[in-house]
Amino acid sequence: MAKTKATGATRLGRDSLPKYLGVKLFEGQLAKTGMIIIRQRGTKFLPGKNVRRGKDDTLYALKEGKVRFGTKRTRRFDNSQRIAKIVNVEP
């Protein structure tokens, strides 16, 4: 009977790569056209002026300008409200 397991027999150690989510450009920083402002899962931040949302919920700039953050009350389908964080790019 072996004292230790044979090499390569472990079932542990598999790990997924990090997704590098989060805010990439902060308030007051200059955004160029097409630059990613926020990478996110779901709509934690909503797009405002001169900002669009990609298919993976990434927010990116449509025009060159400074990044601004703000809040706004939004109404959900069940009439409940939430305070949404809005991202704008102001020229």
PDB file of N, CA and C in Angstrom:
ATOM      1  N   MET A   1       0.837  -1.176   0.000  1.00  0.00           N
ATOM      2  CA  MET A   1       0.000   0.000   0.000  1.00  0.00           C
ATOM      3  C   MET A   1       0.884   1.242   0.000  1.00  0.00           C
ATOM      4  N   ALA A   2       0.526   2.200  -0.883  1.00  0.00           N
ATOM      5  CA  ALA A   2       1.346   3.404  -1.030  1.00  0.00           C
ATOM      6  C   ALA A   2       1.126   4.349   0.153  1.00  0.00           C
ATOM      7  N   LYS A   3       2.200   4.996   0.535  1.00  0.00           N
ATOM      8  CA  LYS A   3       2.118   5.945   1.635  1.00  0.00           C
ATOM      9  C   LYS A   3       1.464   7.254   1.171  1.00  0.00           C
ATOM     10  N   THR A   4       1.764   7.686  -0.081  1.00  0.00           N
ATOM     11  CA  THR A   4       1.175   8.909  -0.638  1.00  0.00           C
ATOM     12  C   THR A   4       0.496   8.588  -1.966  1.00  0.00           C
ATOM     13  N   LYS A   5      -0.411   9.487  -2.378  1.00  0.00           N
ATOM     14  CA  LYS A   5      -1.083   9.305  -3.668  1.00  0.00           C
ATOM     15  C   LYS A   5      -0.105   9.518  -4.813  1.00  0.00           C
ATOM     16  N   ALA A   6      -0.418   8.929  -5.938  1.00  0.00           N
ATOM     17  CA  ALA A   6       0.404   9.128  -7.123  1.00  0.00           C
ATOM     18  C   ALA A   6       0.242  10.577  -7.608  1.00  0.00           C
ATOM     19  N   THR A   7       1.262  11.107  -8.255  1.00  0.00           N
ATOM     20  CA  THR A   7       1.175  12.488  -8.727  1.00  0.00           C
ATOM     21  C   THR A   7       0.120  12.615  -9.815  1.00  0.00           C
ATOM     22  N   GLY A   8      -0.558  13.760  -9.805  1.00  0.00           N
ATOM     23  CA  GLY A   8      -1.576  14.015 -10.813  1.00  0.00           C
ATOM     24  C   GLY A   8      -2.935  13.441 -10.474  1.00  0.00           C
ATOM     25  N   ALA A   9      -3.108  12.924  -9.285  1.00  0.00           N
ATOM     26  CA  ALA A   9      -4.372  12.295  -8.919  1.00  0.00           C
ATOM     27  C   ALA A   9      -5.306  13.249  -8.176  1.00  0.00           C
ATOM     28  N   THR A  10      -4.865  14.451  -7.934  1.00  0.00           N
ATOM     29  CA  THR A  10      -5.692  15.374  -7.156  1.00  0.00           C
ATOM     30  C   THR A  10      -6.877  15.878  -7.973  1.00  0.00           C
ATOM     31  N   ARG A  11      -8.007  16.071  -7.302  1.00  0.00           N
ATOM     32  CA  ARG A  11      -9.194  16.601  -7.962  1.00  0.00           C
ATOM     33  C   ARG A  11      -9.422  18.067  -7.582  1.00  0.00           C
ATOM     34  N   LEU A  12      -8.527  18.618  -6.771  1.00  0.00           N
ATOM     35  CA  LEU A  12      -8.659  20.002  -6.327  1.00  0.00           C
ATOM     36  C   LEU A  12      -7.791  20.908  -7.184  1.00  0.00           C
ATOM     37  N   GLY A  13      -7.786  22.189  -6.862  1.00  0.00           N
ATOM     38  CA  GLY A  13      -6.860  23.105  -7.501  1.00  0.00           C
ATOM     39  C   GLY A  13      -7.384  23.789  -8.749  1.00  0.00           C
ATOM     40  N   ARG A  14      -8.589  23.461  -9.215  1.00  0.00           N
ATOM     41  CA  ARG A  14      -9.125  24.155 -10.382  1.00  0.00           C
ATOM     42  C   ARG A  14      -9.730  25.472  -9.925  1.00  0.00           C
ATOM     43  N   ASP A  15      -9.409  26.528 -10.621  1.00  0.00           N
ATOM     44  CA  ASP A  15      -9.932  27.831 -10.244  1.00  0.00           C
ATOM     45  C   ASP A  15     -10.158  28.637 -11.508  1.00  0.00           C
ATOM     46  N   SER A  16     -11.229  29.410 -11.529  1.00  0.00           N
ATOM     47  CA  SER A  16     -11.512  30.228 -12.702  1.00  0.00           C
ATOM     48  C   SER A  16     -10.690  31.508 -12.658  1.00  0.00           C
ATOM     49  N   LEU A  17     -10.476  32.078 -13.826  1.00  0.00           N
ATOM     50  CA  LEU A  17      -9.727  33.323 -13.908  1.00  0.00           C
ATOM     51  C   LEU A  17     -10.574  34.469 -13.376  1.00  0.00           C
ATOM     52  N   PRO A  18      -9.948  35.509 -12.781  1.00  0.00           N
ATOM     53  CA  PRO A  18     -10.714  36.664 -12.300  1.00  0.00           C
ATOM     54  C   PRO A  18     -11.316  37.427 -13.476  1.00  0.00           C
ATOM     55  N   LYS A  19     -12.459  38.057 -13.256  1.00  0.00           N
ATOM     56  CA  LYS A  19     -13.180  38.722 -14.340  1.00  0.00           C
ATOM     57  C   LYS A  19     -12.856  40.206 -14.458  1.00  0.00           C
ATOM     58  N   TYR A  20     -12.103  40.768 -13.534  1.00  0.00           N
ATOM     59  CA  TYR A  20     -11.654  42.158 -13.590  1.00  0.00           C
ATOM     60  C   TYR A  20     -12.821  43.137 -13.738  1.00  0.00           C
ATOM     61  N   LEU A  21     -13.828  42.971 -12.897  1.00  0.00           N
ATOM     62  CA  LEU A  21     -14.989  43.848 -12.923  1.00  0.00           C
ATOM     63  C   LEU A  21     -14.719  45.109 -12.101  1.00  0.00           C
ATOM     64  N   GLY A  22     -15.573  46.110 -12.277  1.00  0.00           N
ATOM     65  CA  GLY A  22     -15.478  47.308 -11.453  1.00  0.00           C
ATOM     66  C   GLY A  22     -15.389  48.581 -12.268  1.00  0.00           C
ATOM     67  N   VAL A  23     -15.196  49.694 -11.557  1.00  0.00           N
ATOM     68  CA  VAL A  23     -15.118  51.011 -12.183  1.00  0.00           C
ATOM     69  C   VAL A  23     -13.714  51.174 -12.759  1.00  0.00           C
ATOM     70  N   LYS A  24     -13.639  51.523 -14.040  1.00  0.00           N
ATOM     71  CA  LYS A  24     -12.354  51.707 -14.722  1.00  0.00           C
ATOM     72  C   LYS A  24     -11.981  53.187 -14.826  1.00  0.00           C
ATOM     73  N   LEU A  25     -12.971  54.062 -14.967  1.00  0.00           N
ATOM     74  CA  LEU A  25     -12.731  55.505 -14.992  1.00  0.00           C
ATOM     75  C   LEU A  25     -13.556  56.138 -13.878  1.00  0.00           C
ATOM     76  N   PHE A  26     -12.915  56.944 -13.040  1.00  0.00           N
ATOM     77  CA  PHE A  26     -13.587  57.550 -11.901  1.00  0.00           C
ATOM     78  C   PHE A  26     -14.033  58.967 -12.223  1.00  0.00           C
ATOM     79  N   GLU A  27     -14.791  59.567 -11.321  1.00  0.00           N
ATOM     80  CA  GLU A  27     -15.354  60.904 -11.538  1.00  0.00           C
ATOM     81  C   GLU A  27     -14.263  61.925 -11.827  1.00  0.00           C
ATOM     82  N   GLY A  28     -14.499  62.733 -12.870  1.00  0.00           N
ATOM     83  CA  GLY A  28     -13.558  63.781 -13.237  1.00  0.00           C
ATOM     84  C   GLY A  28     -12.502  63.355 -14.235  1.00  0.00           C
ATOM     85  N   GLN A  29     -12.357  62.039 -14.458  1.00  0.00           N
ATOM     86  CA  GLN A  29     -11.360  61.572 -15.414  1.00  0.00           C
ATOM     87  C   GLN A  29     -11.885  61.748 -16.838  1.00  0.00           C
ATOM     88  N   LEU A  30     -10.964  61.924 -17.780  1.00  0.00           N
ATOM     89  CA  LEU A  30     -11.319  62.140 -19.169  1.00  0.00           C
ATOM     90  C   LEU A  30     -11.575  60.808 -19.854  1.00  0.00           C
ATOM     91  N   ALA A  31     -12.729  60.700 -20.515  1.00  0.00           N
ATOM     92  CA  ALA A  31     -13.081  59.494 -21.263  1.00  0.00           C
ATOM     93  C   ALA A  31     -13.046  59.807 -22.743  1.00  0.00           C
ATOM     94  N   LYS A  32     -12.403  58.950 -23.504  1.00  0.00           N
ATOM     95  CA  LYS A  32     -12.406  59.086 -24.958  1.00  0.00           C
ATOM     96  C   LYS A  32     -13.527  58.208 -25.516  1.00  0.00           C
ATOM     97  N   THR A  33     -13.878  58.428 -26.771  1.00  0.00           N
ATOM     98  CA  THR A  33     -14.949  57.670 -27.408  1.00  0.00           C
ATOM     99  C   THR A  33     -14.624  56.182 -27.393  1.00  0.00           C
ATOM    100  N   GLY A  34     -15.567  55.385 -26.897  1.00  0.00           N
ATOM    101  CA  GLY A  34     -15.403  53.931 -26.873  1.00  0.00           C
ATOM    102  C   GLY A  34     -14.705  53.384 -25.643  1.00  0.00           C
ATOM    103  N   MET A  35     -14.207  54.243 -24.777  1.00  0.00           N
ATOM    104  CA  MET A  35     -13.512  53.764 -23.580  1.00  0.00           C
ATOM    105  C   MET A  35     -14.493  53.145 -22.596  1.00  0.00           C
ATOM    106  N   ILE A  36     -14.080  52.061 -21.971  1.00  0.00           N
ATOM    107  CA  ILE A  36     -14.913  51.387 -20.976  1.00  0.00           C
ATOM    108  C   ILE A  36     -14.851  52.177 -19.674  1.00  0.00           C
ATOM    109  N   ILE A  37     -16.029  52.480 -19.123  1.00  0.00           N
ATOM    110  CA  ILE A  37     -16.111  53.217 -17.866  1.00  0.00           C
ATOM    111  C   ILE A  37     -16.302  52.242 -16.712  1.00  0.00           C
ATOM    112  N   ILE A  38     -17.244  51.288 -16.875  1.00  0.00           N
ATOM    113  CA  ILE A  38     -17.537  50.315 -15.822  1.00  0.00           C
ATOM    114  C   ILE A  38     -17.764  48.946 -16.435  1.00  0.00           C
ATOM    115  N   ARG A  39     -17.151  47.933 -15.852  1.00  0.00           N
ATOM    116  CA  ARG A  39     -17.468  46.540 -16.184  1.00  0.00           C
ATOM    117  C   ARG A  39     -18.278  45.995 -15.021  1.00  0.00           C
ATOM    118  N   GLN A  40     -19.438  45.409 -15.323  1.00  0.00           N
ATOM    119  CA  GLN A  40     -20.343  44.971 -14.256  1.00  0.00           C
ATOM    120  C   GLN A  40     -21.151  43.758 -14.699  1.00  0.00           C
ATOM    121  N   ARG A  41     -21.721  43.092 -13.725  1.00  0.00           N
ATOM    122  CA  ARG A  41     -22.684  42.011 -13.965  1.00  0.00           C
ATOM    123  C   ARG A  41     -24.028  42.517 -13.472  1.00  0.00           C
ATOM    124  N   GLY A  42     -24.977  42.632 -14.369  1.00  0.00           N
ATOM    125  CA  GLY A  42     -26.251  43.235 -14.001  1.00  0.00           C
ATOM    126  C   GLY A  42     -26.145  44.741 -14.137  1.00  0.00           C
ATOM    127  N   THR A  43     -27.210  45.449 -13.791  1.00  0.00           N
ATOM    128  CA  THR A  43     -27.213  46.902 -13.966  1.00  0.00           C
ATOM    129  C   THR A  43     -27.093  47.608 -12.627  1.00  0.00           C
ATOM    130  N   LYS A  44     -25.924  47.492 -12.014  1.00  0.00           N
ATOM    131  CA  LYS A  44     -25.647  48.204 -10.765  1.00  0.00           C
ATOM    132  C   LYS A  44     -25.575  49.701 -11.052  1.00  0.00           C
ATOM    133  N   PHE A  45     -24.948  50.064 -12.186  1.00  0.00           N
ATOM    134  CA  PHE A  45     -24.895  51.438 -12.678  1.00  0.00           C
ATOM    135  C   PHE A  45     -25.684  51.497 -13.975  1.00  0.00           C
ATOM    136  N   LEU A  46     -26.414  52.598 -14.185  1.00  0.00           N
ATOM    137  CA  LEU A  46     -27.198  52.771 -15.404  1.00  0.00           C
ATOM    138  C   LEU A  46     -26.535  53.817 -16.301  1.00  0.00           C
ATOM    139  N   PRO A  47     -26.666  53.668 -17.640  1.00  0.00           N
ATOM    140  CA  PRO A  47     -26.073  54.656 -18.538  1.00  0.00           C
ATOM    141  C   PRO A  47     -26.876  55.945 -18.573  1.00  0.00           C
ATOM    142  N   GLY A  48     -26.166  57.072 -18.618  1.00  0.00           N
ATOM    143  CA  GLY A  48     -26.801  58.378 -18.721  1.00  0.00           C
ATOM    144  C   GLY A  48     -26.453  59.021 -20.047  1.00  0.00           C
ATOM    145  N   LYS A  49     -26.169  60.325 -20.036  1.00  0.00           N
ATOM    146  CA  LYS A  49     -25.839  61.054 -21.260  1.00  0.00           C
ATOM    147  C   LYS A  49     -24.495  60.597 -21.810  1.00  0.00           C
ATOM    148  N   ASN A  50     -24.462  60.362 -23.115  1.00  0.00           N
ATOM    149  CA  ASN A  50     -23.250  59.976 -23.854  1.00  0.00           C
ATOM    150  C   ASN A  50     -22.618  58.681 -23.357  1.00  0.00           C
ATOM    151  N   VAL A  51     -23.430  57.800 -22.757  1.00  0.00           N
ATOM    152  CA  VAL A  51     -22.955  56.500 -22.273  1.00  0.00           C
ATOM    153  C   VAL A  51     -23.917  55.430 -22.781  1.00  0.00           C
ATOM    154  N   ARG A  52     -23.378  54.305 -23.227  1.00  0.00           N
ATOM    155  CA  ARG A  52     -24.201  53.181 -23.677  1.00  0.00           C
ATOM    156  C   ARG A  52     -23.846  51.937 -22.893  1.00  0.00           C
ATOM    157  N   ARG A  53     -24.764  50.959 -22.935  1.00  0.00           N
ATOM    158  CA  ARG A  53     -24.574  49.690 -22.242  1.00  0.00           C
ATOM    159  C   ARG A  53     -24.340  48.585 -23.260  1.00  0.00           C
ATOM    160  N   GLY A  54     -23.263  47.822 -23.082  1.00  0.00           N
ATOM    161  CA  GLY A  54     -22.962  46.695 -23.962  1.00  0.00           C
ATOM    162  C   GLY A  54     -23.790  45.481 -23.575  1.00  0.00           C
ATOM    163  N   LYS A  55     -23.665  44.414 -24.357  1.00  0.00           N
ATOM    164  CA  LYS A  55     -24.492  43.226 -24.109  1.00  0.00           C
ATOM    165  C   LYS A  55     -24.121  42.505 -22.808  1.00  0.00           C
ATOM    166  N   ASP A  56     -22.907  42.719 -22.302  1.00  0.00           N
ATOM    167  CA  ASP A  56     -22.519  42.140 -21.010  1.00  0.00           C
ATOM    168  C   ASP A  56     -22.627  43.171 -19.888  1.00  0.00           C
ATOM    169  N   ASP A  57     -23.476  44.204 -20.086  1.00  0.00           N
ATOM    170  CA  ASP A  57     -23.762  45.267 -19.116  1.00  0.00           C
ATOM    171  C   ASP A  57     -22.595  46.223 -18.891  1.00  0.00           C
ATOM    172  N   THR A  58     -21.567  46.157 -19.732  1.00  0.00           N
ATOM    173  CA  THR A  58     -20.455  47.095 -19.646  1.00  0.00           C
ATOM    174  C   THR A  58     -20.908  48.479 -20.098  1.00  0.00           C
ATOM    175  N   LEU A  59     -20.509  49.513 -19.367  1.00  0.00           N
ATOM    176  CA  LEU A  59     -20.831  50.884 -19.752  1.00  0.00           C
ATOM    177  C   LEU A  59     -19.619  51.509 -20.436  1.00  0.00           C
ATOM    178  N   TYR A  60     -19.859  52.134 -21.611  1.00  0.00           N
ATOM    179  CA  TYR A  60     -18.770  52.754 -22.357  1.00  0.00           C
ATOM    180  C   TYR A  60     -19.186  54.123 -22.875  1.00  0.00           C
ATOM    181  N   ALA A  61     -18.198  54.954 -23.166  1.00  0.00           N
ATOM    182  CA  ALA A  61     -18.443  56.344 -23.567  1.00  0.00           C
ATOM    183  C   ALA A  61     -18.743  56.440 -25.052  1.00  0.00           C
ATOM    184  N   LEU A  62     -19.716  57.303 -25.401  1.00  0.00           N
ATOM    185  CA  LEU A  62     -20.039  57.582 -26.800  1.00  0.00           C
ATOM    186  C   LEU A  62     -19.305  58.806 -27.319  1.00  0.00           C
ATOM    187  N   LYS A  63     -18.987  59.747 -26.432  1.00  0.00           N
ATOM    188  CA  LYS A  63     -18.292  60.969 -26.808  1.00  0.00           C
ATOM    189  C   LYS A  63     -17.153  61.225 -25.834  1.00  0.00           C
ATOM    190  N   GLU A  64     -16.265  62.114 -26.229  1.00  0.00           N
ATOM    191  CA  GLU A  64     -15.144  62.486 -25.358  1.00  0.00           C
ATOM    192  C   GLU A  64     -15.620  63.499 -24.324  1.00  0.00           C
ATOM    193  N   GLY A  65     -15.199  63.336 -23.089  1.00  0.00           N
ATOM    194  CA  GLY A  65     -15.579  64.262 -22.030  1.00  0.00           C
ATOM    195  C   GLY A  65     -15.212  63.718 -20.667  1.00  0.00           C
ATOM    196  N   LYS A  66     -15.670  64.438 -19.622  1.00  0.00           N
ATOM    197  CA  LYS A  66     -15.381  64.026 -18.246  1.00  0.00           C
ATOM    198  C   LYS A  66     -16.484  63.125 -17.720  1.00  0.00           C
ATOM    199  N   VAL A  67     -16.088  62.143 -16.918  1.00  0.00           N
ATOM    200  CA  VAL A  67     -17.031  61.193 -16.325  1.00  0.00           C
ATOM    201  C   VAL A  67     -17.676  61.833 -15.102  1.00  0.00           C
ATOM    202  N   ARG A  68     -18.984  61.737 -15.008  1.00  0.00           N
ATOM    203  CA  ARG A  68     -19.737  62.251 -13.859  1.00  0.00           C
ATOM    204  C   ARG A  68     -20.685  61.157 -13.368  1.00  0.00           C
ATOM    205  N   PHE A  69     -20.808  61.047 -12.044  1.00  0.00           N
ATOM    206  CA  PHE A  69     -21.725  60.092 -11.433  1.00  0.00           C
ATOM    207  C   PHE A  69     -22.847  60.856 -10.740  1.00  0.00           C
ATOM    208  N   GLY A  70     -24.025  60.271 -10.738  1.00  0.00           N
ATOM    209  CA  GLY A  70     -25.160  60.886 -10.061  1.00  0.00           C
ATOM    210  C   GLY A  70     -26.152  59.814  -9.647  1.00  0.00           C
ATOM    211  N   THR A  71     -27.208  60.225  -8.958  1.00  0.00           N
ATOM    212  CA  THR A  71     -28.250  59.281  -8.554  1.00  0.00           C
ATOM    213  C   THR A  71     -29.600  59.765  -9.065  1.00  0.00           C
ATOM    214  N   LYS A  72     -30.514  58.820  -9.215  1.00  0.00           N
ATOM    215  CA  LYS A  72     -31.840  59.129  -9.733  1.00  0.00           C
ATOM    216  C   LYS A  72     -32.800  58.055  -9.233  1.00  0.00           C
ATOM    217  N   ARG A  73     -34.018  58.463  -8.885  1.00  0.00           N
ATOM    218  CA  ARG A  73     -35.034  57.489  -8.484  1.00  0.00           C
ATOM    219  C   ARG A  73     -35.632  56.840  -9.720  1.00  0.00           C
ATOM    220  N   THR A  74     -35.646  55.519  -9.748  1.00  0.00           N
ATOM    221  CA  THR A  74     -36.277  54.815 -10.865  1.00  0.00           C
ATOM    222  C   THR A  74     -37.389  53.932 -10.325  1.00  0.00           C
ATOM    223  N   ARG A  75     -38.443  53.826 -11.102  1.00  0.00           N
ATOM    224  CA  ARG A  75     -39.598  53.014 -10.725  1.00  0.00           C
ATOM    225  C   ARG A  75     -39.503  51.653 -11.409  1.00  0.00           C
ATOM    226  N   ARG A  76     -39.701  50.603 -10.635  1.00  0.00           N
ATOM    227  CA  ARG A  76     -39.665  49.251 -11.184  1.00  0.00           C
ATOM    228  C   ARG A  76     -41.040  48.856 -11.685  1.00  0.00           C
ATOM    229  N   PHE A  77     -41.131  47.681 -12.292  1.00  0.00           N
ATOM    230  CA  PHE A  77     -42.401  47.218 -12.864  1.00  0.00           C
ATOM    231  C   PHE A  77     -43.474  46.973 -11.807  1.00  0.00           C
ATOM    232  N   ASP A  78     -43.066  46.614 -10.591  1.00  0.00           N
ATOM    233  CA  ASP A  78     -44.046  46.368  -9.518  1.00  0.00           C
ATOM    234  C   ASP A  78     -44.330  47.642  -8.716  1.00  0.00           C
ATOM    235  N   ASN A  79     -44.007  48.809  -9.286  1.00  0.00           N
ATOM    236  CA  ASN A  79     -44.237  50.125  -8.688  1.00  0.00           C
ATOM    237  C   ASN A  79     -43.334  50.431  -7.493  1.00  0.00           C
ATOM    238  N   SER A  80     -42.407  49.555  -7.160  1.00  0.00           N
ATOM    239  CA  SER A  80     -41.453  49.888  -6.109  1.00  0.00           C
ATOM    240  C   SER A  80     -40.378  50.790  -6.721  1.00  0.00           C
ATOM    241  N   GLN A  81     -39.660  51.508  -5.878  1.00  0.00           N
ATOM    242  CA  GLN A  81     -38.634  52.429  -6.355  1.00  0.00           C
ATOM    243  C   GLN A  81     -37.270  52.017  -5.845  1.00  0.00           C
ATOM    244  N   ARG A  82     -36.246  52.410  -6.597  1.00  0.00           N
ATOM    245  CA  ARG A  82     -34.869  52.234  -6.133  1.00  0.00           C
ATOM    246  C   ARG A  82     -34.083  53.461  -6.543  1.00  0.00           C
ATOM    247  N   ILE A  83     -33.025  53.747  -5.802  1.00  0.00           N
ATOM    248  CA  ILE A  83     -32.144  54.845  -6.158  1.00  0.00           C
ATOM    249  C   ILE A  83     -31.058  54.253  -7.051  1.00  0.00           C
ATOM    250  N   ALA A  84     -31.065  54.673  -8.307  1.00  0.00           N
ATOM    251  CA  ALA A  84     -30.126  54.141  -9.287  1.00  0.00           C
ATOM    252  C   ALA A  84     -28.928  55.064  -9.416  1.00  0.00           C
ATOM    253  N   LYS A  85     -27.758  54.461  -9.627  1.00  0.00           N
ATOM    254  CA  LYS A  85     -26.541  55.231  -9.876  1.00  0.00           C
ATOM    255  C   LYS A  85     -26.405  55.423 -11.385  1.00  0.00           C
ATOM    256  N   ILE A  86     -26.292  56.663 -11.816  1.00  0.00           N
ATOM    257  CA  ILE A  86     -26.234  57.015 -13.225  1.00  0.00           C
ATOM    258  C   ILE A  86     -24.826  57.482 -13.578  1.00  0.00           C
ATOM    259  N   VAL A  87     -24.330  57.082 -14.753  1.00  0.00           N
ATOM    260  CA  VAL A  87     -23.014  57.502 -15.236  1.00  0.00           C
ATOM    261  C   VAL A  87     -23.208  58.360 -16.475  1.00  0.00           C
ATOM    262  N   ASN A  88     -22.640  59.575 -16.467  1.00  0.00           N
ATOM    263  CA  ASN A  88     -22.719  60.501 -17.591  1.00  0.00           C
ATOM    264  C   ASN A  88     -21.312  60.853 -18.061  1.00  0.00           C
ATOM    265  N   VAL A  89     -21.211  61.212 -19.344  1.00  0.00           N
ATOM    266  CA  VAL A  89     -19.976  61.784 -19.869  1.00  0.00           C
ATOM    267  C   VAL A  89     -20.335  63.163 -20.404  1.00  0.00           C
ATOM    268  N   GLU A  90     -19.759  64.198 -19.767  1.00  0.00           N
ATOM    269  CA  GLU A  90     -20.075  65.583 -20.143  1.00  0.00           C
ATOM    270  C   GLU A  90     -18.916  66.180 -20.924  1.00  0.00           C
ATOM    271  N   PRO A  91     -19.194  66.715 -22.119  1.00  0.00           N
ATOM    272  CA  PRO A  91     -18.106  67.293 -22.937  1.00  0.00           C
ATOM    273  C   PRO A  91     -17.549  68.571 -22.342  1.00  0.00           C
TER     274      PRO A  91
END
